[in-house]
PDB file of all heavy atoms in Angstrom:
ATOM      1  N   ILE A   1       4.435 -17.146-192.476  1.00  0.00           N
ATOM      2  CA  ILE A   1       3.732 -15.891-192.207  1.00  0.00           C
ATOM      3  C   ILE A   1       2.967 -15.972-190.899  1.00  0.00           C
ATOM      4  O   ILE A   1       3.096 -15.092-190.045  1.00  0.00           O
ATOM      5  CB  ILE A   1       2.761 -15.567-193.381  1.00  0.00           C
ATOM      6  CG1 ILE A   1       3.551 -15.262-194.647  1.00  0.00           C
ATOM      7  CG2 ILE A   1       1.849 -14.394-193.003  1.00  0.00           C
ATOM      8  CD1 ILE A   1       2.688 -15.170-195.889  1.00  0.00           C
ATOM      9  N   ILE A   2       2.178 -17.008-190.736  1.00  0.00           N
ATOM     10  CA  ILE A   2       1.347 -17.147-189.547  1.00  0.00           C
ATOM     11  C   ILE A   2       2.250 -17.272-188.291  1.00  0.00           C
ATOM     12  O   ILE A   2       2.009 -16.592-187.278  1.00  0.00           O
ATOM     13  CB  ILE A   2       0.372 -18.325-189.667  1.00  0.00           C
ATOM     14  CG1 ILE A   2      -0.682 -18.020-190.720  1.00  0.00           C
ATOM     15  CG2 ILE A   2      -0.291 -18.656-188.323  1.00  0.00           C
ATOM     16  CD1 ILE A   2      -1.578 -19.175-191.077  1.00  0.00           C
ATOM     17  N   GLY A   3       3.259 -18.109-188.396  1.00  0.00           N
ATOM     18  CA  GLY A   3       4.169 -18.276-187.231  1.00  0.00           C
ATOM     19  C   GLY A   3       4.892 -16.986-186.888  1.00  0.00           C
ATOM     20  O   GLY A   3       5.037 -16.635-185.714  1.00  0.00           O
ATOM     21  N   GLY A   4       5.340 -16.261-187.911  1.00  0.00           N
ATOM     22  CA  GLY A   4       6.025 -14.983-187.667  1.00  0.00           C
ATOM     23  C   GLY A   4       5.114 -13.974-187.001  1.00  0.00           C
ATOM     24  O   GLY A   4       5.487 -13.271-186.055  1.00  0.00           O
ATOM     25  N   LEU A   5       3.874 -13.906-187.479  1.00  0.00           N
ATOM     26  CA  LEU A   5       2.930 -12.948-186.883  1.00  0.00           C
ATOM     27  C   LEU A   5       2.577 -13.320-185.456  1.00  0.00           C
ATOM     28  O   LEU A   5       2.506 -12.446-184.592  1.00  0.00           O
ATOM     29  CB  LEU A   5       1.656 -12.858-187.747  1.00  0.00           C
ATOM     30  CG  LEU A   5       1.814 -12.069-189.019  1.00  0.00           C
ATOM     31  CD1 LEU A   5       0.593 -12.233-189.917  1.00  0.00           C
ATOM     32  CD2 LEU A   5       2.036 -10.582-188.725  1.00  0.00           C
ATOM     33  N   ILE A   6       2.363 -14.592-185.204  1.00  0.00           N
ATOM     34  CA  ILE A   6       2.065 -15.015-183.841  1.00  0.00           C
ATOM     35  C   ILE A   6       3.209 -14.618-182.913  1.00  0.00           C
ATOM     36  O   ILE A   6       3.011 -14.080-181.820  1.00  0.00           O
ATOM     37  CB  ILE A   6       1.769 -16.531-183.769  1.00  0.00           C
ATOM     38  CG1 ILE A   6       0.456 -16.847-184.468  1.00  0.00           C
ATOM     39  CG2 ILE A   6       1.728 -17.031-182.300  1.00  0.00           C
ATOM     40  CD1 ILE A   6       0.180 -18.330-184.657  1.00  0.00           C
ATOM     41  N   TYR A   7       4.436 -14.887-183.363  1.00  0.00           N
ATOM     42  CA  TYR A   7       5.610 -14.568-182.547  1.00  0.00           C
ATOM     43  C   TYR A   7       5.675 -13.060-182.261  1.00  0.00           C
ATOM     44  O   TYR A   7       5.833 -12.649-181.114  1.00  0.00           O
ATOM     45  CB  TYR A   7       6.887 -15.031-183.251  1.00  0.00           C
ATOM     46  CG  TYR A   7       8.145 -14.568-182.536  1.00  0.00           C
ATOM     47  CD1 TYR A   7       8.569 -15.214-181.379  1.00  0.00           C
ATOM     48  CD2 TYR A   7       8.853 -13.479-182.999  1.00  0.00           C
ATOM     49  CE1 TYR A   7       9.685 -14.783-180.694  1.00  0.00           C
ATOM     50  CE2 TYR A   7       9.981 -13.031-182.322  1.00  0.00           C
ATOM     51  CZ  TYR A   7      10.393 -13.673-181.184  1.00  0.00           C
ATOM     52  OH  TYR A   7      11.503 -13.232-180.506  1.00  0.00           O
ATOM     53  N   PHE A   8       5.588 -12.246-183.311  1.00  0.00           N
ATOM     54  CA  PHE A   8       5.745 -10.799-183.118  1.00  0.00           C
ATOM     55  C   PHE A   8       4.582 -10.200-182.324  1.00  0.00           C
ATOM     56  O   PHE A   8       4.782  -9.285-181.527  1.00  0.00           O
ATOM     57  CB  PHE A   8       5.918 -10.091-184.449  1.00  0.00           C
ATOM     58  CG  PHE A   8       7.305 -10.267-185.006  1.00  0.00           C
ATOM     59  CD1 PHE A   8       7.485 -10.947-186.222  1.00  0.00           C
ATOM     60  CD2 PHE A   8       8.413  -9.785-184.363  1.00  0.00           C
ATOM     61  CE1 PHE A   8       8.758 -11.135-186.735  1.00  0.00           C
ATOM     62  CE2 PHE A   8       9.689  -9.954-184.869  1.00  0.00           C
ATOM     63  CZ  PHE A   8       9.848 -10.647-186.077  1.00  0.00           C
ATOM     64  N   VAL A   9       3.373 -10.680-182.531  1.00  0.00           N
ATOM     65  CA  VAL A   9       2.222 -10.144-181.775  1.00  0.00           C
ATOM     66  C   VAL A   9       2.362 -10.480-180.288  1.00  0.00           C
ATOM     67  O   VAL A   9       2.134  -9.628-179.431  1.00  0.00           O
ATOM     68  CB  VAL A   9       0.879 -10.680-182.344  1.00  0.00           C
ATOM     69  CG1 VAL A   9      -0.279 -10.371-181.401  1.00  0.00           C
ATOM     70  CG2 VAL A   9       0.608 -10.079-183.713  1.00  0.00           C
ATOM     71  N   THR A  10       2.771 -11.724-179.982  1.00  0.00           N
ATOM     72  CA  THR A  10       2.939 -12.094-178.562  1.00  0.00           C
ATOM     73  C   THR A  10       4.106 -11.296-177.944  1.00  0.00           C
ATOM     74  O   THR A  10       4.005 -10.914-176.767  1.00  0.00           O
ATOM     75  CB  THR A  10       3.173 -13.604-178.390  1.00  0.00           C
ATOM     76  OG1 THR A  10       4.287 -14.008-179.179  1.00  0.00           O
ATOM     77  CG2 THR A  10       1.964 -14.393-178.752  1.00  0.00           C
ATOM     78  N   GLN A  11       5.160 -11.055-178.701  1.00  0.00           N
ATOM     79  CA  GLN A  11       6.258 -10.264-178.176  1.00  0.00           C
ATOM     80  C   GLN A  11       5.835  -8.802-177.940  1.00  0.00           C
ATOM     81  O   GLN A  11       6.286  -8.174-176.985  1.00  0.00           O
ATOM     82  CB  GLN A  11       7.470 -10.305-179.127  1.00  0.00           C
ATOM     83  CG  GLN A  11       8.140 -11.664-179.187  1.00  0.00           C
ATOM     84  CD  GLN A  11       8.589 -12.145-177.813  1.00  0.00           C
ATOM     85  OE1 GLN A  11       9.323 -11.461-177.105  1.00  0.00           O
ATOM     86  NE2 GLN A  11       8.134 -13.325-177.422  1.00  0.00           N
ATOM     87  N   TRP A  12       4.984  -8.288-178.811  1.00  0.00           N
ATOM     88  CA  TRP A  12       4.464  -6.946-178.647  1.00  0.00           C
ATOM     89  C   TRP A  12       3.604  -6.855-177.371  1.00  0.00           C
ATOM     90  O   TRP A  12       3.731  -5.895-176.607  1.00  0.00           O
ATOM     91  CB  TRP A  12       3.635  -6.550-179.885  1.00  0.00           C
ATOM     92  CG  TRP A  12       3.119  -5.151-179.878  1.00  0.00           C
ATOM     93  CD1 TRP A  12       1.838  -4.765-179.669  1.00  0.00           C
ATOM     94  CD2 TRP A  12       3.865  -3.958-180.094  1.00  0.00           C
ATOM     95  NE1 TRP A  12       1.723  -3.399-179.755  1.00  0.00           N
ATOM     96  CE2 TRP A  12       2.962  -2.876-180.013  1.00  0.00           C
ATOM     97  CE3 TRP A  12       5.202  -3.685-180.355  1.00  0.00           C
ATOM     98  CZ2 TRP A  12       3.362  -1.547-180.199  1.00  0.00           C
ATOM     99  CZ3 TRP A  12       5.600  -2.369-180.525  1.00  0.00           C
ATOM    100  CH2 TRP A  12       4.688  -1.320-180.440  1.00  0.00           C
ATOM    101  N   GLY A  13       2.786  -7.849-177.152  1.00  0.00           N
ATOM    102  CA  GLY A  13       1.986  -7.879-175.912  1.00  0.00           C
ATOM    103  C   GLY A  13       2.858  -7.991-174.682  1.00  0.00           C
ATOM    104  O   GLY A  13       2.622  -7.297-173.689  1.00  0.00           O
ATOM    105  N   LYS A  14       3.871  -8.841-174.761  1.00  0.00           N
ATOM    106  CA  LYS A  14       4.810  -9.013-173.623  1.00  0.00           C
ATOM    107  C   LYS A  14       5.550  -7.702-173.340  1.00  0.00           C
ATOM    108  O   LYS A  14       5.733  -7.331-172.169  1.00  0.00           O
ATOM    109  CB  LYS A  14       5.809 -10.120-173.952  1.00  0.00           C
ATOM    110  CG  LYS A  14       6.781 -10.401-172.873  1.00  0.00           C
ATOM    111  CD  LYS A  14       7.705 -11.547-173.277  1.00  0.00           C
ATOM    112  CE  LYS A  14       8.735 -11.845-172.224  1.00  0.00           C
ATOM    113  NZ  LYS A  14       9.669 -12.908-172.654  1.00  0.00           N
ATOM    114  N   ALA A  15       5.973  -6.993-174.388  1.00  0.00           N
ATOM    115  CA  ALA A  15       6.690  -5.736-174.199  1.00  0.00           C
ATOM    116  C   ALA A  15       5.831  -4.667-173.543  1.00  0.00           C
ATOM    117  O   ALA A  15       6.342  -3.727-172.943  1.00  0.00           O
ATOM    118  CB  ALA A  15       7.207  -5.237-175.534  1.00  0.00           C
ATOM    119  N   HIS A  16       4.520  -4.829-173.646  1.00  0.00           N
ATOM    120  CA  HIS A  16       3.595  -3.874-173.026  1.00  0.00           C
ATOM    121  C   HIS A  16       2.926  -4.484-171.794  1.00  0.00           C
ATOM    122  O   HIS A  16       1.805  -4.118-171.431  1.00  0.00           O
ATOM    123  CB  HIS A  16       2.555  -3.409-174.041  1.00  0.00           C
ATOM    124  CG  HIS A  16       3.133  -2.521-175.094  1.00  0.00           C
ATOM    125  ND1 HIS A  16       3.679  -3.009-176.262  1.00  0.00           N
ATOM    126  CD2 HIS A  16       3.278  -1.181-175.132  1.00  0.00           C
ATOM    127  CE1 HIS A  16       4.131  -2.001-176.977  1.00  0.00           C
ATOM    128  NE2 HIS A  16       3.906  -0.881-176.322  1.00  0.00           N
ATOM    129  N   ASP A  17       3.631  -5.406-171.146  1.00  0.00           N
ATOM    130  CA  ASP A  17       3.149  -6.058-169.903  1.00  0.00           C
ATOM    131  C   ASP A  17       1.764  -6.628-170.026  1.00  0.00           C
ATOM    132  O   ASP A  17       0.984  -6.623-169.075  1.00  0.00           O
ATOM    133  CB  ASP A  17       3.202  -5.069-168.731  1.00  0.00           C
ATOM    134  CG  ASP A  17       4.619  -4.630-168.394  1.00  0.00           C
ATOM    135  OD1 ASP A  17       5.543  -5.478-168.527  1.00  0.00           O
ATOM    136  OD2 ASP A  17       4.792  -3.456-168.040  1.00  0.00           O
ATOM    137  N   TYR A  18       1.427  -7.103-171.208  1.00  0.00           N
ATOM    138  CA  TYR A  18       0.142  -7.767-171.484  1.00  0.00           C
ATOM    139  C   TYR A  18      -1.080  -6.889-171.172  1.00  0.00           C
ATOM    140  O   TYR A  18      -2.146  -7.390-170.877  1.00  0.00           O
ATOM    141  CB  TYR A  18       0.048  -9.095-170.743  1.00  0.00           C
ATOM    142  CG  TYR A  18       1.180 -10.044-171.059  1.00  0.00           C
ATOM    143  CD1 TYR A  18       2.165 -10.325-170.134  1.00  0.00           C
ATOM    144  CD2 TYR A  18       1.280 -10.641-172.313  1.00  0.00           C
ATOM    145  CE1 TYR A  18       3.204 -11.200-170.420  1.00  0.00           C
ATOM    146  CE2 TYR A  18       2.314 -11.495-172.634  1.00  0.00           C
ATOM    147  CZ  TYR A  18       3.275 -11.761-171.681  1.00  0.00           C
ATOM    148  OH  TYR A  18       4.303 -12.613-171.976  1.00  0.00           O
ATOM    149  N   THR A  19      -0.883  -5.566-171.264  1.00  0.00           N
ATOM    150  CA  THR A  19      -2.010  -4.680-170.964  1.00  0.00           C
ATOM    151  C   THR A  19      -2.778  -4.253-172.210  1.00  0.00           C
ATOM    152  O   THR A  19      -3.740  -3.499-172.121  1.00  0.00           O
ATOM    153  CB  THR A  19      -1.506  -3.399-170.253  1.00  0.00           C
ATOM    154  OG1 THR A  19      -0.553  -2.752-171.105  1.00  0.00           O
ATOM    155  CG2 THR A  19      -0.901  -3.710-168.908  1.00  0.00           C
ATOM    156  N   LEU A  20      -2.365  -4.730-173.388  1.00  0.00           N
ATOM    157  CA  LEU A  20      -3.019  -4.335-174.612  1.00  0.00           C
ATOM    158  C   LEU A  20      -4.269  -5.197-174.855  1.00  0.00           C
ATOM    159  O   LEU A  20      -4.331  -6.358-174.477  1.00  0.00           O
ATOM    160  CB  LEU A  20      -2.073  -4.491-175.818  1.00  0.00           C
ATOM    161  CG  LEU A  20      -0.820  -3.615-175.760  1.00  0.00           C
ATOM    162  CD1 LEU A  20       0.093  -3.956-176.940  1.00  0.00           C
ATOM    163  CD2 LEU A  20      -1.200  -2.151-175.780  1.00  0.00           C
ATOM    164  N   SER A  21      -5.257  -4.610-175.512  1.00  0.00           N
ATOM    165  CA  SER A  21      -6.475  -5.320-175.816  1.00  0.00           C
ATOM    166  C   SER A  21      -6.304  -6.195-177.063  1.00  0.00           C
ATOM    167  O   SER A  21      -5.321  -6.077-177.783  1.00  0.00           O
ATOM    168  CB  SER A  21      -7.603  -4.325-176.075  1.00  0.00           C
ATOM    169  OG  SER A  21      -7.361  -3.616-177.290  1.00  0.00           O
ATOM    170  N   PHE A  22      -7.266  -7.054-177.283  1.00  0.00           N
ATOM    171  CA  PHE A  22      -7.269  -7.913-178.485  1.00  0.00           C
ATOM    172  C   PHE A  22      -7.162  -7.046-179.753  1.00  0.00           C
ATOM    173  O   PHE A  22      -6.402  -7.358-180.652  1.00  0.00           O
ATOM    174  CB  PHE A  22      -8.542  -8.748-178.505  1.00  0.00           C
ATOM    175  CG  PHE A  22      -8.677  -9.642-179.696  1.00  0.00           C
ATOM    176  CD1 PHE A  22      -8.135 -10.929-179.680  1.00  0.00           C
ATOM    177  CD2 PHE A  22      -9.303  -9.202-180.852  1.00  0.00           C
ATOM    178  CE1 PHE A  22      -8.234 -11.771-180.780  1.00  0.00           C
ATOM    179  CE2 PHE A  22      -9.409 -10.038-181.963  1.00  0.00           C
ATOM    180  CZ  PHE A  22      -8.855 -11.300-181.938  1.00  0.00           C
ATOM    181  N   GLY A  23      -7.929  -5.951-179.782  1.00  0.00           N
ATOM    182  CA  GLY A  23      -7.934  -5.066-180.941  1.00  0.00           C
ATOM    183  C   GLY A  23      -6.591  -4.431-181.190  1.00  0.00           C
ATOM    184  O   GLY A  23      -6.139  -4.305-182.339  1.00  0.00           O
ATOM    185  N   ASN A  24      -5.911  -4.001-180.111  1.00  0.00           N
ATOM    186  CA  ASN A  24      -4.568  -3.412-180.269  1.00  0.00           C
ATOM    187  C   ASN A  24      -3.588  -4.441-180.792  1.00  0.00           C
ATOM    188  O   ASN A  24      -2.745  -4.125-181.646  1.00  0.00           O
ATOM    189  CB  ASN A  24      -4.064  -2.879-178.934  1.00  0.00           C
ATOM    190  CG  ASN A  24      -4.857  -1.698-178.417  1.00  0.00           C
ATOM    191  OD1 ASN A  24      -5.310  -1.720-177.282  1.00  0.00           O
ATOM    192  ND2 ASN A  24      -5.018  -0.677-179.237  1.00  0.00           N
ATOM    193  N   LEU A  25      -3.659  -5.642-180.289  1.00  0.00           N
ATOM    194  CA  LEU A  25      -2.742  -6.705-180.730  1.00  0.00           C
ATOM    195  C   LEU A  25      -3.012  -7.096-182.182  1.00  0.00           C
ATOM    196  O   LEU A  25      -2.090  -7.272-182.986  1.00  0.00           O
ATOM    197  CB  LEU A  25      -2.873  -7.929-179.825  1.00  0.00           C
ATOM    198  CG  LEU A  25      -2.425  -7.707-178.374  1.00  0.00           C
ATOM    199  CD1 LEU A  25      -2.896  -8.847-177.495  1.00  0.00           C
ATOM    200  CD2 LEU A  25      -0.914  -7.540-178.300  1.00  0.00           C
ATOM    201  N   PHE A  26      -4.304  -7.213-182.545  1.00  0.00           N
ATOM    202  CA  PHE A  26      -4.657  -7.520-183.922  1.00  0.00           C
ATOM    203  C   PHE A  26      -4.180  -6.422-184.870  1.00  0.00           C
ATOM    204  O   PHE A  26      -3.646  -6.690-185.952  1.00  0.00           O
ATOM    205  CB  PHE A  26      -6.168  -7.727-184.079  1.00  0.00           C
ATOM    206  CG  PHE A  26      -6.569  -7.935-185.501  1.00  0.00           C
ATOM    207  CD1 PHE A  26      -6.369  -9.162-186.128  1.00  0.00           C
ATOM    208  CD2 PHE A  26      -7.118  -6.898-186.240  1.00  0.00           C
ATOM    209  CE1 PHE A  26      -6.717  -9.352-187.475  1.00  0.00           C
ATOM    210  CE2 PHE A  26      -7.476  -7.068-187.569  1.00  0.00           C
ATOM    211  CZ  PHE A  26      -7.277  -8.305-188.170  1.00  0.00           C
ATOM    212  N   ALA A  27      -4.376  -5.175-184.469  1.00  0.00           N
ATOM    213  CA  ALA A  27      -3.958  -4.024-185.308  1.00  0.00           C
ATOM    214  C   ALA A  27      -2.461  -4.066-185.563  1.00  0.00           C
ATOM    215  O   ALA A  27      -1.998  -3.818-186.669  1.00  0.00           O
ATOM    216  CB  ALA A  27      -4.364  -2.732-184.647  1.00  0.00           C
ATOM    217  N   TYR A  28      -1.680  -4.385-184.528  1.00  0.00           N
ATOM    218  CA  TYR A  28      -0.212  -4.504-184.704  1.00  0.00           C
ATOM    219  C   TYR A  28       0.120  -5.581-185.739  1.00  0.00           C
ATOM    220  O   TYR A  28       0.914  -5.343-186.646  1.00  0.00           O
ATOM    221  CB  TYR A  28       0.423  -4.854-183.356  1.00  0.00           C
ATOM    222  CG  TYR A  28       1.888  -5.203-183.448  1.00  0.00           C
ATOM    223  CD1 TYR A  28       2.835  -4.199-183.437  1.00  0.00           C
ATOM    224  CD2 TYR A  28       2.307  -6.520-183.556  1.00  0.00           C
ATOM    225  CE1 TYR A  28       4.196  -4.533-183.537  1.00  0.00           C
ATOM    226  CE2 TYR A  28       3.641  -6.846-183.664  1.00  0.00           C
ATOM    227  CZ  TYR A  28       4.575  -5.847-183.637  1.00  0.00           C
ATOM    228  OH  TYR A  28       5.914  -6.157-183.743  1.00  0.00           O
ATOM    229  N   GLY A  29      -0.511  -6.735-185.630  1.00  0.00           N
ATOM    230  CA  GLY A  29      -0.260  -7.804-186.584  1.00  0.00           C
ATOM    231  C   GLY A  29      -0.715  -7.460-187.985  1.00  0.00           C
ATOM    232  O   GLY A  29      -0.022  -7.761-188.962  1.00  0.00           O
ATOM    233  N   PHE A  30      -1.840  -6.769-188.112  1.00  0.00           N
ATOM    234  CA  PHE A  30      -2.349  -6.445-189.436  1.00  0.00           C
ATOM    235  C   PHE A  30      -1.500  -5.336-190.074  1.00  0.00           C
ATOM    236  O   PHE A  30      -1.303  -5.324-191.306  1.00  0.00           O
ATOM    237  CB  PHE A  30      -3.812  -6.042-189.375  1.00  0.00           C
ATOM    238  CG  PHE A  30      -4.505  -6.228-190.682  1.00  0.00           C
ATOM    239  CD1 PHE A  30      -4.770  -7.478-191.177  1.00  0.00           C
ATOM    240  CD2 PHE A  30      -4.854  -5.125-191.455  1.00  0.00           C
ATOM    241  CE1 PHE A  30      -5.400  -7.659-192.410  1.00  0.00           C
ATOM    242  CE2 PHE A  30      -5.458  -5.279-192.673  1.00  0.00           C
ATOM    243  CZ  PHE A  30      -5.755  -6.544-193.161  1.00  0.00           C
ATOM    244  N   LYS A  31      -0.980  -4.406-189.273  1.00  0.00           N
ATOM    245  CA  LYS A  31      -0.071  -3.401-189.813  1.00  0.00           C
ATOM    246  C   LYS A  31       1.214  -4.064-190.326  1.00  0.00           C
ATOM    247  O   LYS A  31       1.744  -3.668-191.365  1.00  0.00           O
ATOM    248  CB  LYS A  31       0.264  -2.344-188.769  1.00  0.00           C
ATOM    249  CG  LYS A  31      -0.871  -1.417-188.427  1.00  0.00           C
ATOM    250  CD  LYS A  31      -0.472  -0.484-187.291  1.00  0.00           C
ATOM    251  CE  LYS A  31      -1.625   0.224-186.664  1.00  0.00           C
ATOM    252  NZ  LYS A  31      -1.220   1.005-185.498  1.00  0.00           N
ATOM    253  N   SER A  32       1.689  -5.047-189.582  1.00  0.00           N
ATOM    254  CA  SER A  32       2.854  -5.805-190.034  1.00  0.00           C
ATOM    255  C   SER A  32       2.551  -6.518-191.342  1.00  0.00           C
ATOM    256  O   SER A  32       3.385  -6.571-192.255  1.00  0.00           O
ATOM    257  CB  SER A  32       3.263  -6.845-188.972  1.00  0.00           C
ATOM    258  OG  SER A  32       3.590  -6.241-187.748  1.00  0.00           O
ATOM    259  N   THR A  33       1.324  -7.035-191.457  1.00  0.00           N
ATOM    260  CA  THR A  33       0.891  -7.703-192.686  1.00  0.00           C
ATOM    261  C   THR A  33       0.946  -6.742-193.876  1.00  0.00           C
ATOM    262  O   THR A  33       1.380  -7.109-194.952  1.00  0.00           O
ATOM    263  CB  THR A  33      -0.533  -8.243-192.518  1.00  0.00           C
ATOM    264  OG1 THR A  33      -0.539  -9.232-191.469  1.00  0.00           O
ATOM    265  CG2 THR A  33      -1.062  -8.867-193.786  1.00  0.00           C
ATOM    266  N   ALA A  34       0.485  -5.522-193.666  1.00  0.00           N
ATOM    267  CA  ALA A  34       0.526  -4.530-194.741  1.00  0.00           C
ATOM    268  C   ALA A  34       1.939  -4.279-195.211  1.00  0.00           C
ATOM    269  O   ALA A  34       2.206  -4.192-196.412  1.00  0.00           O
ATOM    270  CB  ALA A  34      -0.141  -3.239-194.265  1.00  0.00           C
ATOM    271  N   VAL A  35       2.870  -4.199-194.272  1.00  0.00           N
ATOM    272  CA  VAL A  35       4.273  -3.923-194.614  1.00  0.00           C
ATOM    273  C   VAL A  35       4.847  -5.094-195.461  1.00  0.00           C
ATOM    274  O   VAL A  35       5.393  -4.884-196.521  1.00  0.00           O
ATOM    275  CB  VAL A  35       5.121  -3.690-193.360  1.00  0.00           C
ATOM    276  CG1 VAL A  35       6.611  -3.652-193.668  1.00  0.00           C
ATOM    277  CG2 VAL A  35       4.694  -2.439-192.632  1.00  0.00           C
ATOM    278  N   PHE A  36       4.685  -6.334-194.970  1.00  0.00           N
ATOM    279  CA  PHE A  36       5.321  -7.430-195.731  1.00  0.00           C
ATOM    280  C   PHE A  36       4.579  -7.714-197.026  1.00  0.00           C
ATOM    281  O   PHE A  36       5.174  -8.199-197.975  1.00  0.00           O
ATOM    282  CB  PHE A  36       5.561  -8.681-194.879  1.00  0.00           C
ATOM    283  CG  PHE A  36       4.357  -9.504-194.509  1.00  0.00           C
ATOM    284  CD1 PHE A  36       3.688 -10.276-195.419  1.00  0.00           C
ATOM    285  CD2 PHE A  36       3.935  -9.528-193.184  1.00  0.00           C
ATOM    286  CE1 PHE A  36       2.601 -11.052-195.056  1.00  0.00           C
ATOM    287  CE2 PHE A  36       2.879 -10.328-192.804  1.00  0.00           C
ATOM    288  CZ  PHE A  36       2.206 -11.078-193.757  1.00  0.00           C
ATOM    289  N   THR A  37       3.298  -7.390-197.120  1.00  0.00           N
ATOM    290  CA  THR A  37       2.555  -7.586-198.364  1.00  0.00           C
ATOM    291  C   THR A  37       3.078  -6.629-199.445  1.00  0.00           C
ATOM    292  O   THR A  37       3.349  -7.050-200.557  1.00  0.00           O
ATOM    293  CB  THR A  37       1.041  -7.352-198.139  1.00  0.00           C
ATOM    294  OG1 THR A  37       0.574  -8.327-197.212  1.00  0.00           O
ATOM    295  CG2 THR A  37       0.283  -7.490-199.431  1.00  0.00           C
ATOM    296  N   ILE A  38       3.254  -5.372-199.097  1.00  0.00           N
ATOM    297  CA  ILE A  38       3.776  -4.394-200.069  1.00  0.00           C
ATOM    298  C   ILE A  38       5.180  -4.772-200.505  1.00  0.00           C
ATOM    299  O   ILE A  38       5.460  -4.750-201.724  1.00  0.00           O
ATOM    300  CB  ILE A  38       3.749  -2.968-199.437  1.00  0.00           C
ATOM    301  CG1 ILE A  38       2.303  -2.510-199.249  1.00  0.00           C
ATOM    302  CG2 ILE A  38       4.539  -1.994-200.298  1.00  0.00           C
ATOM    303  CD1 ILE A  38       2.150  -1.260-198.410  1.00  0.00           C
ATOM    304  N   ILE A  39       6.016  -5.153-199.583  1.00  0.00           N
ATOM    305  CA  ILE A  39       7.386  -5.526-199.950  1.00  0.00           C
ATOM    306  C   ILE A  39       7.383  -6.773-200.832  1.00  0.00           C
ATOM    307  O   ILE A  39       8.144  -6.848-201.800  1.00  0.00           O
ATOM    308  CB  ILE A  39       8.241  -5.708-198.691  1.00  0.00           C
ATOM    309  CG1 ILE A  39       8.437  -4.357-198.008  1.00  0.00           C
ATOM    310  CG2 ILE A  39       9.601  -6.336-199.013  1.00  0.00           C
ATOM    311  CD1 ILE A  39       9.051  -4.429-196.642  1.00  0.00           C
ATOM    312  N   ASN A  40       6.570  -7.734-200.516  1.00  0.00           N
ATOM    313  CA  ASN A  40       6.518  -8.978-201.293  1.00  0.00           C
ATOM    314  C   ASN A  40       6.015  -8.694-202.726  1.00  0.00           C
ATOM    315  O   ASN A  40       6.530  -9.281-203.670  1.00  0.00           O
ATOM    316  CB  ASN A  40       5.634  -9.999-200.600  1.00  0.00           C
ATOM    317  CG  ASN A  40       5.978 -11.402-201.031  1.00  0.00           C
ATOM    318  OD1 ASN A  40       7.080 -11.702-201.442  1.00  0.00           O
ATOM    319  ND2 ASN A  40       5.012 -12.292-200.920  1.00  0.00           N
ATOM    320  N   ILE A  41       5.056  -7.817-202.869  1.00  0.00           N
ATOM    321  CA  ILE A  41       4.530  -7.486-204.222  1.00  0.00           C
ATOM    322  C   ILE A  41       5.630  -6.783-205.015  1.00  0.00           C
ATOM    323  O   ILE A  41       5.863  -7.128-206.186  1.00  0.00           O
ATOM    324  CB  ILE A  41       3.268  -6.624-204.119  1.00  0.00           C
ATOM    325  CG1 ILE A  41       2.090  -7.481-203.628  1.00  0.00           C
ATOM    326  CG2 ILE A  41       2.938  -5.976-205.477  1.00  0.00           C
ATOM    327  CD1 ILE A  41       0.848  -6.705-203.294  1.00  0.00           C
ATOM    328  N   VAL A  42       6.326  -5.838-204.419  1.00  0.00           N
ATOM    329  CA  VAL A  42       7.427  -5.139-205.102  1.00  0.00           C
ATOM    330  C   VAL A  42       8.516  -6.164-205.484  1.00  0.00           C
ATOM    331  O   VAL A  42       9.035  -6.122-206.615  1.00  0.00           O
ATOM    332  CB  VAL A  42       7.991  -4.022-204.226  1.00  0.00           C
ATOM    333  CG1 VAL A  42       9.278  -3.453-204.809  1.00  0.00           C
ATOM    334  CG2 VAL A  42       6.963  -2.927-204.056  1.00  0.00           C
ATOM    335  N   PHE A  43       8.847  -7.066-204.579  1.00  0.00           N
ATOM    336  CA  PHE A  43       9.839  -8.094-204.897  1.00  0.00           C
ATOM    337  C   PHE A  43       9.432  -8.930-206.092  1.00  0.00           C
ATOM    338  O   PHE A  43      10.229  -9.191-206.981  1.00  0.00           O
ATOM    339  CB  PHE A  43      10.082  -8.998-203.677  1.00  0.00           C
ATOM    340  CG  PHE A  43      10.744 -10.304-204.047  1.00  0.00           C
ATOM    341  CD1 PHE A  43      12.085 -10.336-204.407  1.00  0.00           C
ATOM    342  CD2 PHE A  43      10.026 -11.485-204.060  1.00  0.00           C
ATOM    343  CE1 PHE A  43      12.681 -11.533-204.754  1.00  0.00           C
ATOM    344  CE2 PHE A  43      10.597 -12.674-204.444  1.00  0.00           C
ATOM    345  CZ  PHE A  43      11.945 -12.701-204.776  1.00  0.00           C
ATOM    346  N   LEU A  44       8.172  -9.405-206.111  1.00  0.00           N
ATOM    347  CA  LEU A  44       7.687 -10.235-207.198  1.00  0.00           C
ATOM    348  C   LEU A  44       7.726  -9.507-208.533  1.00  0.00           C
ATOM    349  O   LEU A  44       8.089 -10.083-209.575  1.00  0.00           O
ATOM    350  CB  LEU A  44       6.321 -10.778-206.906  1.00  0.00           C
ATOM    351  CG  LEU A  44       6.233 -11.866-205.827  1.00  0.00           C
ATOM    352  CD1 LEU A  44       4.791 -12.175-205.477  1.00  0.00           C
ATOM    353  CD2 LEU A  44       6.994 -13.097-206.238  1.00  0.00           C
ATOM    354  N   ILE A  45       7.354  -8.228-208.543  1.00  0.00           N
ATOM    355  CA  ILE A  45       7.393  -7.450-209.783  1.00  0.00           C
ATOM    356  C   ILE A  45       8.841  -7.371-210.291  1.00  0.00           C
ATOM    357  O   ILE A  45       9.114  -7.627-211.458  1.00  0.00           O
ATOM    358  CB  ILE A  45       6.773  -6.052-209.572  1.00  0.00           C
ATOM    359  CG1 ILE A  45       5.283  -6.157-209.349  1.00  0.00           C
ATOM    360  CG2 ILE A  45       7.097  -5.132-210.749  1.00  0.00           C
ATOM    361  CD1 ILE A  45       4.626  -4.878-208.864  1.00  0.00           C
ATOM    362  N   ILE A  46       9.739  -7.008-209.393  1.00  0.00           N
ATOM    363  CA  ILE A  46      11.159  -6.891-209.788  1.00  0.00           C
ATOM    364  C   ILE A  46      11.687  -8.256-210.216  1.00  0.00           C
ATOM    365  O   ILE A  46      12.389  -8.368-211.235  1.00  0.00           O
ATOM    366  CB  ILE A  46      11.994  -6.307-208.632  1.00  0.00           C
ATOM    367  CG1 ILE A  46      11.592  -4.847-208.401  1.00  0.00           C
ATOM    368  CG2 ILE A  46      13.490  -6.422-208.919  1.00  0.00           C
ATOM    369  CD1 ILE A  46      12.150  -4.236-207.130  1.00  0.00           C
TER     370      ILE A  46
END
């Protein structure tokens, strides 16, 4: 999880020419966290 988020957050920053703030980068990672958390909970229930 941590490695995946670090990878995707850095790629998101790179795609925006590193002009994003810390808050924007954190928000991207946390939104990704919300997505995989919901999917993981649904998977475990099923």
